[in-house]
Protein backbone atom coordinates (compact mmCIF):
# COMPACT_ATOMS: atom_id res chain seq x y z
CA MET A 1 23.38 20.31 10.08
CA GLY A 2 20.65 20.98 12.63
CA SER A 3 19.99 24.50 11.44
CA GLY A 4 18.92 23.09 8.11
CA TYR A 5 15.65 21.92 9.64
CA SER A 6 14.57 25.16 11.26
CA MET A 7 11.67 25.46 8.80
CA ALA A 8 11.08 21.76 8.17
CA GLY A 9 7.67 21.94 9.83
CA ASN A 10 6.24 24.05 7.00
CA ILE A 11 3.77 21.79 5.20
CA ALA A 12 3.80 22.09 1.42
CA VAL A 13 1.22 19.33 0.98
CA ASP A 14 -2.11 21.06 0.43
CA LYS A 15 -4.72 18.60 -0.86
CA ILE A 16 -3.65 15.33 0.77
CA ILE A 17 -3.97 14.33 4.42
CA ALA A 18 -1.77 11.44 5.54
CA VAL A 19 -2.27 9.29 8.64
CA GLY A 20 0.65 6.98 9.39
CA ILE A 21 1.73 4.32 11.85
CA GLU A 22 5.19 5.46 12.83
CA SER A 23 6.25 2.92 15.47
CA PRO A 24 4.71 0.41 17.93
CA ASP A 25 3.07 3.20 19.92
CA VAL A 26 2.90 6.27 17.66
CA ILE A 27 0.34 7.30 15.04
CA THR A 28 0.88 10.47 13.02
CA ALA A 29 -1.23 12.98 11.10
CA LEU A 30 0.07 15.18 8.28
CA ASP A 31 -2.55 17.88 7.73
CA LYS A 32 -2.13 21.56 6.89
CA ASP A 33 -4.99 22.30 9.32
CA HIS A 34 -2.90 20.94 12.24
CA GLU A 35 -4.94 20.80 15.49
CA ASN A 36 -8.05 21.93 13.63
CA GLY A 37 -7.81 19.09 11.15
CA VAL A 38 -10.29 16.21 10.97
CA ALA A 39 -7.59 13.57 11.54
CA TYR A 40 -6.05 15.31 14.57
CA LYS A 41 -9.42 15.74 16.27
CA PHE A 42 -10.54 12.18 15.63
CA ILE A 43 -7.32 10.56 16.86
CA HIS A 44 -7.18 12.77 19.95
CA GLN A 45 -10.81 12.16 20.87
CA TYR A 46 -11.53 8.58 19.80
CA TRP A 47 -8.35 6.53 20.20
CA THR A 48 -9.42 3.36 22.04
CA GLY A 49 -6.91 3.82 24.86
CA ILE A 50 -5.00 6.78 26.25
CA VAL A 51 -3.22 9.39 24.13
CA GLU A 52 -0.26 10.06 26.40
CA LYS A 53 0.83 13.13 24.45
CA ALA A 54 0.53 14.85 21.09
CA GLU A 55 3.49 16.79 19.76
CA LYS A 56 4.64 18.37 16.51
CA ARG A 57 7.47 16.48 14.79
CA TYR A 58 8.67 18.19 11.65
CA HIS A 59 5.62 18.07 9.33
CA VAL A 60 3.36 15.78 11.35
CA TRP A 61 1.53 15.63 14.63
CA ALA A 62 2.68 12.53 16.52
CA PHE A 63 0.36 10.88 19.04
CA GLN A 64 2.08 8.79 21.71
CA LEU A 65 -0.31 5.94 22.61
CA ASP A 66 -0.39 3.72 25.66
CA GLY A 67 0.15 -0.03 25.49
CA ARG A 68 2.25 -0.35 22.30
CA PRO A 69 -0.80 -1.28 20.19
CA PHE A 70 1.11 -1.75 16.93
CA VAL A 71 3.53 -4.47 17.99
CA LEU A 72 3.48 -8.25 17.69
CA PRO A 73 3.93 -9.70 21.21
CA LEU A 74 6.91 -12.01 21.72
CA ILE A 75 4.88 -14.13 24.13
CA SER A 76 1.14 -14.54 23.61
CA ILE A 77 -0.70 -15.44 26.80
CA GLY A 78 -4.46 -15.19 26.97
CA THR A 79 -6.54 -13.16 24.55
CA GLY A 80 -5.43 -9.63 25.41
CA HIS A 81 -3.24 -9.23 22.33
CA ILE A 82 -6.08 -10.46 20.09
CA ILE A 83 -8.55 -7.98 21.55
CA GLN A 84 -5.99 -5.17 21.29
CA SER A 85 -5.15 -5.85 17.63
CA ALA A 86 -8.86 -5.97 16.74
CA GLN A 87 -9.45 -2.69 18.62
CA SER A 88 -6.64 -1.01 16.68
CA ARG A 89 -8.10 -2.18 13.38
CA GLN A 90 -11.61 -1.12 14.38
CA PHE A 91 -10.22 2.32 15.20
CA LEU A 92 -8.57 2.60 11.78
CA CYS A 93 -11.81 1.57 10.06
CA ARG A 94 -13.69 4.24 12.03
CA LEU A 95 -11.01 6.79 11.20
CA ILE A 96 -11.44 6.14 7.47
CA GLN A 97 -15.23 6.32 7.85
CA HIS A 98 -15.01 9.58 9.77
CA MET A 99 -12.62 11.14 7.25
CA GLU A 100 -14.85 10.18 4.34
CA SER A 101 -17.96 11.43 6.14
CA ALA A 102 -16.16 14.77 6.37
CA GLY A 103 -15.47 14.63 2.64
CA GLU A 104 -11.83 13.48 2.72
CA THR A 105 -11.68 10.61 0.20
CA PHE A 106 -9.54 7.59 1.12
CA LEU A 107 -7.17 7.16 -1.84
CA THR A 108 -4.87 4.31 -0.87
CA SER A 109 -1.99 3.52 1.46
CA VAL A 110 1.77 3.36 0.95
CA TYR A 111 4.36 1.54 3.07
CA MET A 112 6.79 4.45 3.42
CA GLY A 113 9.12 3.22 6.13
CA LYS A 114 11.68 0.53 6.73
CA LEU A 115 12.56 -0.38 10.32
CA TYR A 116 9.94 1.58 12.25
CA HIS A 117 7.55 3.61 10.11
CA ARG A 118 4.88 1.51 8.42
CA SER A 119 1.92 2.46 6.28
CA ALA A 120 0.64 5.94 5.53
CA MET A 121 -3.05 6.21 4.61
CA LEU A 122 -3.64 8.97 2.07
CA PHE A 123 -6.84 11.04 1.92
CA LEU A 124 -7.81 13.61 -0.71
CA ARG A 125 -9.10 16.79 0.87
CA LEU A 126 -12.64 17.94 0.14
CA ASN A 127 -12.79 20.66 -2.52
CA GLU A 128 -15.06 23.61 -1.96
CA THR A 129 -17.28 22.48 -4.84
CA ASP A 130 -17.50 18.87 -3.64
CA GLU A 131 -20.10 17.29 -1.40
CA ALA A 132 -19.33 15.19 1.65
CA TYR A 133 -19.45 11.43 1.31
CA GLU A 134 -22.91 10.85 2.78
CA VAL A 135 -24.45 13.30 0.29
CA GLN A 136 -22.53 11.80 -2.64
CA SER A 137 -23.33 8.17 -1.92
CA GLY A 138 -26.47 8.03 0.15
CA PHE A 139 -24.74 5.55 2.49
CA LEU A 140 -24.51 5.97 6.23
CA SER A 141 -20.96 6.43 7.43
CA ASP A 142 -20.97 3.65 10.02
CA ASP A 143 -21.30 0.86 7.44
CA ARG A 144 -18.77 2.32 5.03
CA ILE A 145 -15.59 0.36 5.84
CA LEU A 146 -14.63 -3.12 6.96
CA CYS A 147 -11.31 -4.93 7.09
CA VAL A 148 -9.81 -8.41 7.15
CA ALA A 149 -6.46 -9.17 8.75
CA ILE A 150 -3.87 -11.92 8.66
CA ARG A 151 -3.07 -12.05 12.36
CA ASN A 152 -0.48 -14.82 12.19
CA LYS A 153 0.63 -17.68 9.97
CA ASN A 154 -2.69 -19.54 10.20
CA THR A 155 -5.29 -17.07 11.52
CA LEU A 156 -7.72 -14.69 9.84
CA GLN A 157 -9.23 -11.89 11.90
CA PHE A 158 -12.49 -10.12 11.05
CA PRO A 159 -12.88 -7.06 13.33
CA LYS A 160 -16.53 -6.46 14.09
CA MET A 161 -17.75 -3.40 12.25
CA PRO A 162 -21.34 -2.52 11.28
CA ALA A 163 -20.35 -3.23 7.68
CA LEU A 164 -19.52 -6.84 8.54
CA SER A 165 -23.19 -7.50 9.31
CA ARG A 166 -23.92 -6.69 5.65
CA CYS A 167 -21.54 -9.47 4.58
CA PRO A 168 -22.82 -12.85 5.83
CA MET A 169 -19.89 -15.20 6.45
CA GLU A 170 -21.70 -18.54 6.08
CA TRP A 171 -19.93 -19.08 2.75
CA LEU A 172 -16.57 -19.17 4.52
CA PHE A 173 -17.61 -22.01 6.80
CA ALA A 174 -19.45 -23.84 4.02
CA GLU A 175 -16.63 -23.71 1.46
CA PHE A 176 -13.55 -23.96 3.71
CA ARG A 177 -14.69 -26.01 6.70
CA SER A 178 -12.26 -28.81 5.80
CA GLN A 179 -9.33 -26.33 6.02
CA MET A 180 -10.42 -24.96 9.41
CA VAL A 181 -9.31 -26.00 12.86
CA GLU A 182 -11.74 -23.75 14.73
CA ASP A 183 -13.43 -20.38 14.72
CA LYS A 184 -13.69 -18.10 17.75
CA ASP A 185 -16.18 -15.33 18.35
CA TYR A 186 -14.69 -12.59 20.55
CA ASP A 187 -16.40 -9.41 21.71
CA ASN A 188 -14.80 -7.30 18.99
CA CYS A 189 -13.75 -9.77 16.29
CA LEU A 190 -14.29 -13.13 14.67
CA GLU A 191 -11.20 -15.30 14.16
CA VAL A 192 -10.76 -18.33 11.93
CA HIS A 193 -7.86 -20.70 12.58
CA LEU A 194 -6.78 -22.75 9.57
CA ARG A 195 -4.92 -26.02 9.26
CA GLY A 196 -1.19 -25.82 8.65
CA THR A 197 0.43 -22.44 8.06
CA PRO A 198 -1.17 -21.13 4.84
CA PHE A 199 0.06 -17.55 5.39
CA ASN A 200 3.70 -18.53 5.90
CA THR A 201 4.40 -21.68 3.97
CA SER A 202 6.41 -23.27 1.19
CA ASN A 203 3.75 -25.99 0.85
CA PHE A 204 1.91 -25.55 -2.44
CA GLU A 205 -1.47 -26.85 -1.23
CA GLU A 206 -1.43 -24.58 1.83
CA MET A 207 -0.51 -21.60 -0.34
CA ILE A 208 -3.46 -22.42 -2.59
CA THR A 209 -5.76 -22.39 0.45
CA ALA A 210 -4.72 -18.80 1.24
CA GLN A 211 -5.17 -17.70 -2.39
CA ARG A 212 -8.56 -19.38 -2.74
CA ILE A 213 -9.90 -17.92 0.51
CA PHE A 214 -8.95 -14.38 -0.48
CA VAL A 215 -10.13 -14.43 -4.07
CA THR A 216 -13.45 -15.90 -2.86
CA LEU A 217 -13.64 -13.29 -0.11
CA ILE A 218 -13.01 -10.47 -2.59
CA ARG A 219 -15.74 -11.78 -4.90
CA ARG A 220 -18.22 -12.23 -2.04
CA PHE A 221 -17.60 -8.80 -0.58
CA PHE A 222 -17.98 -7.29 -4.06
CA ALA A 223 -21.35 -9.03 -4.40
CA TYR A 224 -22.35 -7.47 -1.05
CA GLY A 225 -21.37 -4.01 -2.34
CA TYR A 226 -17.82 -3.69 -0.94
CA GLU A 227 -14.77 -3.29 -3.15
CA TYR A 228 -11.14 -3.71 -2.16
CA ALA A 229 -9.63 -0.38 -1.11
CA ALA A 230 -6.08 -0.70 0.26
CA PRO A 231 -3.73 -2.66 2.53
CA LEU A 232 -2.07 -1.49 5.73
CA SER A 233 0.74 -2.75 7.94
CA LEU A 234 -0.23 -2.74 11.60
CA LYS A 235 2.73 -4.78 12.85
CA GLY A 236 5.57 -3.72 10.54
CA ASN A 237 8.31 -6.08 9.33
CA PHE A 238 7.76 -4.78 5.78
CA LYS A 239 4.52 -6.78 5.49
CA ASN A 240 0.97 -5.56 5.01
CA ASP A 241 -1.34 -7.53 7.30
CA THR A 242 -4.65 -5.62 7.17
CA PHE A 243 -6.89 -5.18 4.13
CA PHE A 244 -9.68 -2.59 3.88
CA PHE A 245 -12.89 -2.83 1.86
CA ARG A 246 -15.11 0.14 1.06
CA ARG A 247 -18.83 0.26 0.37
CA SER A 248 -19.16 1.81 -3.05
CA SER A 249 -21.91 3.06 -5.31
CA HIS A 250 -19.62 1.96 -8.18
CA VAL A 251 -20.29 -1.67 -7.28
CA ASN A 252 -24.05 -1.22 -7.51
CA SER A 253 -23.78 0.50 -10.89
CA VAL A 254 -21.85 -2.36 -12.52
CA THR A 255 -23.89 -3.92 -15.31
CA GLU A 256 -21.36 -6.39 -16.75
CA PRO A 257 -20.18 -9.49 -14.85
CA VAL A 258 -17.04 -8.74 -12.83
CA ASN A 259 -14.26 -11.21 -12.22
CA PHE A 260 -10.91 -11.20 -10.42
CA PHE A 261 -7.63 -13.09 -10.46
CA LEU A 262 -4.46 -12.93 -8.37
CA MET A 263 -0.80 -12.64 -9.33
CA SER A 264 1.62 -13.50 -6.52
CA ILE A 265 5.36 -12.90 -6.51
CA GLY A 266 7.50 -14.96 -4.20
CA GLN A 267 10.17 -17.49 -3.28
CA LYS A 268 12.71 -15.18 -4.97
CA ASN A 269 12.06 -16.51 -8.48
CA ARG A 270 8.42 -17.27 -9.30
CA ILE A 271 5.21 -15.65 -10.43
CA ARG A 272 2.01 -17.49 -9.55
CA LEU A 273 -1.28 -16.76 -11.28
CA PHE A 274 -4.38 -17.95 -9.47
CA GLU A 275 -7.67 -18.38 -11.37
CA CYS A 276 -6.18 -16.47 -14.28
CA PRO A 277 -7.95 -16.94 -17.65
CA GLN A 278 -5.85 -18.93 -20.11
CA GLU A 279 -5.68 -16.12 -22.69
CA VAL A 280 -4.36 -13.75 -20.01
CA PHE A 281 -1.79 -16.28 -18.82
CA THR A 282 -0.64 -16.77 -22.43
CA LYS A 283 -0.26 -13.00 -22.85
CA ILE A 284 1.82 -12.70 -19.67
CA GLU A 285 3.93 -15.67 -20.73
CA ASN A 286 4.60 -14.10 -24.14
CA ILE A 287 5.53 -10.72 -22.62
CA ILE A 288 8.04 -12.38 -20.31
CA LEU A 289 9.52 -14.69 -22.95
CA ASP A 290 9.71 -12.07 -25.71
CA GLY A 291 11.09 -9.29 -23.54
CA LYS A 292 14.21 -11.05 -22.24
CA TRP A 293 13.91 -8.87 -19.16
CA LEU A 294 15.88 -10.91 -16.69
CA ASP A 295 19.26 -12.65 -16.66
CA GLY A 296 18.96 -16.35 -17.38
CA GLY A 297 15.39 -16.10 -18.59
CA VAL A 298 12.64 -18.54 -17.67
CA ARG A 299 13.52 -21.93 -16.21
CA GLU A 300 10.09 -23.53 -16.25
CA ILE A 301 6.44 -22.79 -16.95
CA LYS A 302 4.05 -24.95 -14.98
CA PRO A 303 0.50 -25.41 -16.30
CA SER A 304 -2.49 -24.81 -14.07
CA TYR A 305 -2.81 -27.11 -11.07
CA MET A 306 -5.47 -26.48 -8.42
CA GLY A 307 -6.22 -23.25 -10.28
CA CYS A 308 -2.63 -21.94 -10.12
CA SER A 309 -0.11 -21.57 -12.96
CA GLU A 310 3.57 -20.78 -12.32
CA ILE A 311 6.39 -19.07 -14.17
CA ILE A 312 9.78 -19.88 -12.60
CA PHE A 313 12.92 -17.91 -13.47
CA GLN A 314 16.51 -19.12 -13.63
CA SER A 315 17.81 -16.30 -11.43
CA THR A 316 16.29 -14.73 -8.30
CA PRO A 317 14.81 -11.51 -9.73
CA PHE A 318 12.50 -10.95 -6.75
CA HIS A 319 15.31 -10.84 -4.20
CA GLU A 320 18.02 -8.66 -5.68
CA SER A 321 19.98 -5.60 -4.64
CA SER A 322 18.31 -2.34 -5.52
CA SER A 323 20.69 -1.64 -8.41
CA GLU A 324 19.49 -4.83 -10.16
CA ASN A 325 15.73 -4.29 -9.84
CA ALA A 326 14.87 -1.82 -12.61
CA PRO A 327 14.37 -4.46 -15.38
CA THR A 328 12.03 -6.45 -13.13
CA GLN A 329 10.00 -3.35 -12.32
CA LEU A 330 9.82 -2.43 -16.01
CA MET A 331 8.58 -5.93 -16.84
CA PHE A 332 5.66 -5.63 -14.41
CA LEU A 333 4.68 -2.17 -15.66
CA THR A 334 4.65 -3.54 -19.22
CA ILE A 335 2.43 -6.43 -18.09
CA PHE A 336 0.03 -3.99 -16.40
CA GLU A 337 -0.31 -1.90 -19.58
CA GLU A 338 -0.86 -4.91 -21.82
CA LEU A 339 -3.46 -6.46 -19.51
CA LYS A 340 -5.40 -3.18 -19.41
CA LYS A 341 -5.65 -3.42 -23.21
CA MET A 342 -7.22 -6.86 -22.68
CA GLY A 343 -9.75 -5.56 -20.17
CA TRP A 344 -7.98 -6.31 -16.86
CA LYS A 345 -6.96 -3.51 -14.50
CA ILE A 346 -4.92 -3.43 -11.30
CA CYS A 347 -7.26 -2.69 -8.43
CA GLY A 348 -4.78 -3.10 -5.59
CA ALA A 349 -2.05 -5.12 -3.93
CA LEU A 350 -2.26 -7.46 -0.96
CA GLN A 351 0.29 -9.60 0.87
CA LEU A 352 -1.03 -13.07 1.57
CA SER A 353 2.23 -14.49 2.87
CA LEU A 354 4.24 -13.50 5.92
CA ALA A 355 7.25 -15.44 4.60
CA THR A 356 10.33 -13.23 4.27
CA PHE A 357 10.95 -13.95 0.58
CA ASP A 358 7.34 -13.66 -0.60
CA LYS A 359 6.28 -10.34 -2.10
CA ALA A 360 3.04 -8.70 -3.19
CA THR A 361 -0.11 -10.38 -4.40
CA ILE A 362 -1.62 -8.19 -7.13
CA LEU A 363 -5.39 -8.10 -7.60
CA PHE A 364 -6.74 -7.75 -11.15
CA GLU A 365 -10.36 -6.94 -12.00
CA THR A 366 -12.20 -7.00 -15.31
CA CYS A 367 -12.78 -3.57 -16.85
CA GLN A 368 -13.37 -1.82 -20.15
CA ALA A 369 -10.36 -2.50 -22.37
CA ALA A 370 -8.29 0.65 -22.81
CA GLU A 371 -4.80 1.82 -23.65
CA THR A 372 -3.41 3.23 -20.43
CA LYS A 373 0.01 4.54 -19.48
CA TYR A 374 1.64 3.59 -16.19
CA PHE A 375 4.94 4.52 -14.61
CA GLY A 376 6.62 3.53 -11.37
CA LEU A 377 8.33 5.57 -8.66
CA VAL A 378 10.63 3.72 -6.27
CA PRO A 379 12.48 5.19 -3.27
CA CYS A 380 15.71 3.17 -3.45
CA CYS A 381 18.39 2.44 -0.87
CA SER A 382 18.68 5.43 1.46
CA ASP A 383 18.89 8.34 -0.96
CA THR A 384 17.57 7.65 -4.47
CA ILE A 385 14.29 8.13 -6.33
CA ARG A 386 13.96 5.86 -9.36
CA LEU A 387 11.43 6.53 -12.13
CA ILE A 388 10.52 3.54 -14.31
CA LYS A 389 8.83 3.74 -17.73
CA VAL A 390 8.53 7.48 -17.30
CA ARG A 391 7.41 9.53 -20.29
CA GLY A 392 7.69 13.01 -21.73
CA SER A 393 7.80 15.92 -19.36
CA VAL A 394 7.13 13.87 -16.22
CA THR A 395 10.85 13.54 -15.49
CA THR A 396 11.30 17.31 -15.71
CA GLN A 397 8.29 17.93 -13.48
CA ILE A 398 9.44 15.49 -10.80
CA ARG A 399 12.97 16.92 -10.92
CA GLU A 400 11.46 20.35 -10.24
CA MET A 401 9.41 18.98 -7.34
CA ILE A 402 12.52 17.46 -5.76
CA ILE A 403 14.58 20.64 -6.20
CA ASN A 404 11.79 22.76 -4.73
CA GLN A 405 11.11 20.52 -1.74
CA TRP A 406 14.45 18.86 -0.91
CA GLY A 407 16.72 21.68 0.17
CA LYS A 408 19.85 19.53 0.33
CA GLY A 409 19.51 19.15 -3.41
CA ILE A 410 20.15 16.46 -5.98
CA GLN A 411 23.63 14.97 -5.80
CA SER A 412 23.48 13.29 -9.22
CA GLU A 413 21.09 12.22 -11.95
CA SER A 414 21.60 9.15 -14.12
CA SER A 415 19.71 7.56 -16.98
CA ILE A 416 18.88 3.88 -16.87
CA ASN A 417 17.57 1.83 -19.77
CA CYS A 418 13.97 2.29 -18.64
CA GLY A 419 13.96 5.62 -16.84
CA VAL A 420 16.03 7.83 -14.59
CA GLU A 421 17.42 7.91 -11.05
CA PHE A 422 17.84 10.98 -8.84
CA LYS A 423 20.39 10.53 -6.07
CA LEU A 424 19.61 13.03 -3.31
CA ARG A 425 21.97 14.53 -0.77
CA GLY A 426 21.24 13.27 2.71
CA PHE A 427 19.37 10.10 3.66
CA PRO A 428 15.62 10.55 3.08
CA PHE A 429 14.95 6.78 2.85
CA ALA A 430 17.36 5.45 5.48
CA SER A 431 16.61 2.21 7.30
CA ARG A 432 16.61 4.17 10.59
CA ASP A 433 13.52 5.99 9.42
CA LEU A 434 12.72 8.29 12.36
CA THR A 435 15.46 10.82 11.58
CA ALA A 436 14.86 14.38 10.39
CA ASP A 437 15.88 13.38 6.86
CA ALA A 438 13.43 10.46 6.87
CA HIS A 439 10.53 12.62 8.08
CA CYS A 440 11.24 15.16 5.35
CA GLY A 441 11.69 12.37 2.80
CA ARG A 442 8.18 11.07 3.48
CA HIS A 443 6.81 14.59 3.17
CA LEU A 444 8.61 14.89 -0.17
CA LEU A 445 7.01 11.68 -1.46
CA ILE A 446 3.51 12.77 -0.42
CA PHE A 447 4.13 16.16 -2.06
CA ILE A 448 5.13 14.40 -5.30
CA ILE A 449 2.00 12.19 -5.15
CA GLU A 450 -0.19 15.27 -4.73
CA LYS A 451 1.42 17.27 -7.53
CA LEU A 452 1.40 14.33 -9.95
CA ARG A 453 -2.32 13.97 -9.31
CA SER A 454 -2.84 17.58 -10.39
CA LEU A 455 -0.90 16.77 -13.59
CA GLY A 456 -3.11 13.80 -14.48
CA TRP A 457 -1.13 10.96 -12.88
CA ASN A 458 -3.06 9.19 -10.11
CA LEU A 459 -1.45 6.82 -7.63
CA VAL A 460 -3.18 3.45 -8.12
CA CYS A 461 -1.40 1.50 -5.40
CA SER A 462 2.08 0.58 -4.22
CA MET A 463 3.65 -2.85 -3.92
CA ASP A 464 6.83 -4.66 -2.95
CA LEU A 465 7.89 -6.60 -6.04
CA CYS A 466 11.55 -7.41 -5.66
CA SER A 467 13.24 -5.73 -2.71
CA LYS A 468 16.09 -7.63 -1.10
CA MET A 469 15.36 -8.17 2.58
CA ASN A 470 17.87 -7.06 5.23
CA SER A 471 17.85 -7.11 9.02
CA ASP A 472 19.41 -4.94 11.70
CA ASP A 473 21.29 -6.01 14.83
CA ASP A 474 17.98 -6.64 16.60
CA SER A 475 16.72 -8.92 13.79
CA HIS A 476 14.16 -6.38 12.59
CA ILE A 477 13.45 -7.05 8.90
CA TYR A 478 13.23 -4.33 6.27
CA GLY A 479 13.44 -3.99 2.51
CA GLU A 480 16.49 -2.53 0.81
CA GLU A 481 14.16 -0.38 -1.26
CA ASN A 482 10.62 0.80 -0.60
CA GLU A 483 7.49 -0.26 -2.42
CA MET A 484 7.09 0.77 -6.04
CA MET A 485 4.28 3.32 -6.43
CA ILE A 486 2.21 2.72 -9.56
CA PHE A 487 0.91 5.86 -11.29
CA GLU A 488 -1.77 5.78 -14.00
CA GLN A 489 -2.43 8.57 -16.49
CA VAL A 490 -6.01 9.82 -16.31
CA ASP A 491 -8.06 12.55 -17.91
CA LEU A 492 -7.86 15.74 -15.90
CA PRO A 493 -11.09 17.23 -14.51
CA PRO A 494 -12.09 20.78 -15.51
CA ILE A 495 -9.31 23.19 -14.59
CA ARG A 496 -9.48 24.75 -11.16
CA ASN A 497 -7.03 27.12 -9.50
CA GLU A 498 -4.33 24.61 -8.62
CA ASN A 499 -1.49 25.86 -6.46
CA HIS A 500 1.78 25.98 -8.29
CA ILE A 501 4.68 23.98 -6.96
CA CYS A 502 5.76 25.97 -3.95
CA ARG A 503 9.39 26.44 -3.18
CA ASN A 504 10.63 25.63 0.31
CA PRO A 505 14.37 25.00 0.13
CA SER A 506 14.71 24.79 3.89
CA TYR A 507 13.87 21.06 4.03
CA GLY A 508 17.23 19.59 4.79
CA SER A 509 19.05 22.69 3.59
CA ASP A 510 21.89 24.47 5.31
CA SER A 511 21.79 27.38 2.90
CA LYS A 512 20.53 30.75 4.03
CA HIS A 513 18.22 32.95 1.98
């Protein structure tokens, strides 16, 4: 089978640059400009430690780093691991700033791996007619990005970036002092240690502390001019632990009051809505009750307590095998569409719990009410792409993308009650995700994201809603299926000369042409 990858390094992705964390000591760059690309040059020149080597692996450049910076230490002695994790996050903030200063817009991130590969940050390449970020916004690049991290089950980390000085943190100590044990000011980060274990707990009051801190933080940062951008997983284990905020001219142009609420999915069978308006909660409740989406239906609906309402299901819809998850995914997409009609849009996903059975926390923001179409794309098991709530010609277009970019071909195609599944030959989404198939599978997904964007479907975010958690022989945790990518239909800009889908059947193919 090896000969099938002789041309697998040919990059079909043209307008997106992807920077990924591949393993505890490897960061990758997918960029058609290779060594001349902005990402390659920045990583090679500005990584905080030593780049031991840079080598081409299939479609990406892989940078081997010293010190295993993307791993959670088994034994924590001293402060070295704290300083290192903050340095890594500072570097990623500076990378995003540098990319945007060069005109490469940070779109979002997607957790594309399972056992080893973590998040991939996606950037949209500067068009010839576009201006670089500093010209567009008038902002200096060094105060563009900041991030907040959940470092462990009771600790928040704020890496020191110039942007953080624009966001006074006195509110945190004033409003949450009773929940704090201590705060520590290190050279490169501020850390806040909380009582109990609010980021890995089954205790309701502790969970509420985590939700309240983050929704307040999001509102405060927005007031300072920073909107939530995307999550990232630094440490793996199928959990996002780092959350980026971007300084935006959009924030300053807002004339109507903006509000937020959180929807958390967890404990295998419950949806929690924090600071959700009553009319929105009623709408969500009606969608769930009227739709009969899930076996057994709803067991209990708990009214708001400490700002949090709960919907508890009879079954365990948020911890099921991949073959059982399509109705759950359809339910959430339906909720997203109906809430947009009410003036609430998805503006991202977080993960506020490190607990194994807790899933995404979805952030909603007020917006202009509109009728919007969404669909979901889920890489399932080791070899399947599932499309949920897909419409019209999109299925045909994605089928063509797969055929043109996955040389091993489609083994079978099957309709499900809410979409379609393509079972591919080979193992593009295997749990051992550093194989040739897995590398090419990630390239395929990024290619699909890029081409869908040119067809008027933008990737909003991705989130883990219901994947059953597995572990390997070394107790590494991974999801049975990857995050669901949420695509939103948008109006296309004026037509430019878009590249047609390019055919490269060599990816995973043994056929000769």
